[in-house]
């Protein structure tokens, strides 16, 4: 099964973020319930991945911390995103979790971690004018939350987009 480790902002915050997004014909916005930050993409894993992730989390000692979302960006793939302001705690958590999973023998693709919340996708990158509309819509907004838990999710791909299902959740101590 295709899996990833996710951070989900509270539902009300996700809806507020979604409500700020301008709409364009060529842009497929993510539904509010799908908005998340991917901490680690694990890819195809056996069903035993839950046990491995549980053991990895048991090795970690991480206090809850504040996450502040700010700044619009775009990847060349056409993904438009909301960034993380002062991402150092997230980077440290991601590195520690990655190491703990490797110690459990979990194999996954090692990617450069760029913490962000995907807002939408396009087949072609948005124009500078469209990016400007996003930046304007988000410029005076502040979105922050206390990260207190991390989720293991399954991602099923369909022609209409991915559907994510929570498989397990771990609280930060």
Protein backbone atom coordinates (compact mmCIF):
# COMPACT_ATOMS: atom_id res chain seq x y z
CA UNK A 1 0.00 0.00 0.00
CA UNK A 2 1.16 3.56 -0.81
CA UNK A 3 1.85 5.37 2.48
CA UNK A 4 3.15 8.59 3.97
CA UNK A 5 3.55 10.19 7.38
CA UNK A 6 1.44 13.31 7.67
CA UNK A 7 0.84 16.34 9.82
CA UNK A 8 -2.74 17.54 9.62
CA UNK A 9 -3.58 21.04 10.81
CA UNK A 10 -6.88 21.27 12.73
CA UNK A 11 -9.98 21.00 10.52
CA UNK A 12 -11.09 24.62 11.09
CA UNK A 13 -7.63 25.90 10.11
CA UNK A 14 -7.62 23.75 6.96
CA UNK A 15 -11.01 25.19 5.99
CA UNK A 16 -9.74 28.76 6.59
CA UNK A 17 -6.73 28.08 4.38
CA UNK A 18 -8.91 26.58 1.64
CA UNK A 19 -11.29 29.57 1.79
CA UNK A 20 -8.38 31.92 1.01
CA UNK A 21 -7.41 30.15 -2.21
CA UNK A 22 -8.25 31.98 -5.42
CA UNK A 23 -9.72 29.79 -8.15
CA UNK A 24 -8.47 29.49 -11.70
CA UNK A 25 -9.78 27.34 -14.52
CA UNK A 26 -6.50 25.46 -14.87
CA UNK A 27 -6.06 24.87 -11.12
CA UNK A 28 -7.37 21.88 -9.17
CA UNK A 29 -7.51 22.96 -5.53
CA UNK A 30 -7.15 20.40 -2.78
CA UNK A 31 -10.29 19.82 -0.69
CA UNK A 32 -9.93 21.18 2.86
CA UNK A 33 -10.01 17.68 4.36
CA UNK A 34 -7.00 16.66 2.23
CA UNK A 35 -4.76 19.60 3.26
CA UNK A 36 -1.71 18.28 5.11
CA UNK A 37 2.06 18.48 5.41
CA UNK A 38 3.89 15.34 4.33
CA UNK A 39 6.62 14.61 6.86
CA UNK A 40 7.88 11.46 5.08
CA UNK A 41 6.69 9.79 1.88
CA UNK A 42 7.17 6.07 2.43
CA UNK A 43 5.79 4.84 -0.89
CA UNK A 44 4.70 1.24 -1.31
CA UNK A 45 4.89 -0.58 2.02
CA UNK A 46 3.53 -3.85 3.43
CA UNK A 47 0.67 -3.75 5.95
CA UNK A 48 3.25 -4.27 8.71
CA UNK A 49 4.36 -0.64 8.24
CA UNK A 50 2.12 0.35 11.18
CA UNK A 51 4.22 -1.74 13.54
CA UNK A 52 7.47 -0.33 12.18
CA UNK A 53 6.26 3.25 12.52
CA UNK A 54 5.02 2.54 16.06
CA UNK A 55 8.44 1.20 17.04
CA UNK A 56 10.13 4.22 15.43
CA UNK A 57 7.90 6.64 17.35
CA UNK A 58 8.62 4.77 20.57
CA UNK A 59 12.30 5.75 20.09
CA UNK A 60 11.46 9.45 19.72
CA UNK A 61 10.91 11.93 22.49
CA UNK A 62 9.32 15.02 21.00
CA UNK A 63 7.35 17.71 22.76
CA UNK A 64 4.48 19.38 20.88
CA UNK A 65 5.51 22.60 19.12
CA UNK A 66 3.98 25.46 17.13
CA UNK A 67 3.90 25.33 13.34
CA UNK A 68 3.32 28.55 11.45
CA UNK A 69 2.28 28.43 7.81
CA UNK A 70 3.23 31.39 5.66
CA UNK A 71 4.41 32.20 2.16
CA UNK A 72 3.21 31.00 -1.21
CA UNK A 73 5.40 29.06 -3.62
CA UNK A 74 5.22 26.81 -6.64
CA UNK A 75 7.16 23.75 -7.73
CA UNK A 76 7.96 23.29 -11.41
CA UNK A 77 5.57 20.31 -11.36
CA UNK A 78 2.65 22.75 -11.05
CA UNK A 79 2.10 22.29 -7.30
CA UNK A 80 1.17 25.53 -5.54
CA UNK A 81 1.93 25.49 -1.82
CA UNK A 82 1.82 27.30 1.49
CA UNK A 83 5.18 27.23 3.23
CA UNK A 84 6.31 26.77 6.82
CA UNK A 85 7.81 29.74 8.63
CA UNK A 86 10.85 28.78 10.77
CA UNK A 87 10.74 25.09 9.80
CA UNK A 88 13.68 23.97 11.98
CA UNK A 89 11.62 21.91 14.49
CA UNK A 90 9.86 20.15 11.61
CA UNK A 91 13.18 19.46 9.89
CA UNK A 92 14.58 17.95 13.08
CA UNK A 93 11.50 15.79 13.63
CA UNK A 94 11.61 14.59 10.03
CA UNK A 95 15.31 13.70 10.27
CA UNK A 96 14.90 11.87 13.59
CA UNK A 97 11.88 9.94 12.33
CA UNK A 98 13.62 9.08 9.07
CA UNK A 99 16.61 7.70 11.00
CA UNK A 100 14.37 5.73 13.40
CA UNK A 101 12.48 4.15 10.49
CA UNK A 102 15.73 3.20 8.76
CA UNK A 103 16.81 1.53 12.03
CA UNK A 104 13.57 -0.48 11.82
CA UNK A 105 14.59 -1.67 8.34
CA UNK A 106 11.96 0.39 6.51
CA UNK A 107 13.09 1.21 2.99
CA UNK A 108 11.79 4.41 1.40
CA UNK A 109 12.89 7.04 -1.06
CA UNK A 110 15.13 9.65 0.50
CA UNK A 111 13.90 13.04 -0.72
CA UNK A 112 14.99 16.54 0.17
CA UNK A 113 12.47 17.71 2.74
CA UNK A 114 10.80 21.03 1.90
CA UNK A 115 7.98 21.45 4.45
CA UNK A 116 4.86 22.76 2.75
CA UNK A 117 1.11 22.32 2.51
CA UNK A 118 -0.06 21.62 -1.06
CA UNK A 119 -2.92 23.96 -1.98
CA UNK A 120 -3.50 22.82 -5.54
CA UNK A 121 -2.10 21.37 -8.74
CA UNK A 122 -1.95 22.44 -12.36
CA UNK A 123 -0.69 20.74 -15.50
CA UNK A 124 1.43 23.81 -16.21
CA UNK A 125 2.91 26.20 -13.64
CA UNK A 126 0.76 29.20 -12.78
CA UNK A 127 1.67 32.56 -14.31
CA UNK A 128 3.32 35.24 -12.20
CA UNK A 129 -0.01 37.11 -12.19
CA UNK A 130 -1.82 34.04 -10.81
CA UNK A 131 0.89 33.49 -8.19
CA UNK A 132 0.46 37.15 -7.31
CA UNK A 133 -3.25 36.55 -6.66
CA UNK A 134 -2.33 33.71 -4.27
CA UNK A 135 0.29 35.82 -2.53
CA UNK A 136 -2.19 38.67 -2.16
CA UNK A 137 -4.89 36.37 -0.78
CA UNK A 138 -2.51 35.01 1.87
CA UNK A 139 -0.29 38.05 2.59
CA UNK A 140 -2.07 39.31 5.72
CA UNK A 141 -3.13 35.89 7.01
CA UNK A 142 -1.46 33.95 9.77
CA UNK A 143 -2.06 30.23 10.11
CA UNK A 144 -0.53 28.47 13.07
CA UNK A 145 -1.28 25.43 15.19
CA UNK A 146 0.33 23.25 17.83
CA UNK A 147 1.68 20.04 16.36
CA UNK A 148 0.66 17.40 18.88
CA UNK A 149 0.29 14.28 16.72
CA UNK A 150 1.55 12.67 13.54
CA UNK A 151 -0.45 10.38 11.26
CA UNK A 152 0.32 7.39 9.06
CA UNK A 153 -1.83 7.61 5.94
CA UNK A 154 -2.56 5.49 2.93
CA UNK A 155 -2.88 7.21 -0.42
CA UNK A 156 -4.98 5.69 -3.19
CA UNK A 157 -4.66 7.30 -6.61
CA UNK A 158 -7.70 7.83 -8.82
CA UNK A 159 -8.27 9.80 -12.02
CA UNK A 160 -9.98 12.48 -9.91
CA UNK A 161 -7.01 12.71 -7.52
CA UNK A 162 -5.63 10.98 -4.46
CA UNK A 163 -7.76 9.86 -1.54
CA UNK A 164 -6.00 9.72 1.82
CA UNK A 165 -7.06 7.43 4.67
CA UNK A 166 -5.61 7.65 8.18
CA UNK A 167 -4.22 4.30 9.29
CA UNK A 168 -2.78 5.29 12.66
CA UNK A 169 -1.91 8.28 14.85
CA UNK A 170 0.86 8.95 17.34
CA UNK A 171 0.85 11.73 19.92
CA UNK A 172 3.95 13.75 20.63
CA UNK A 173 5.00 13.34 24.27
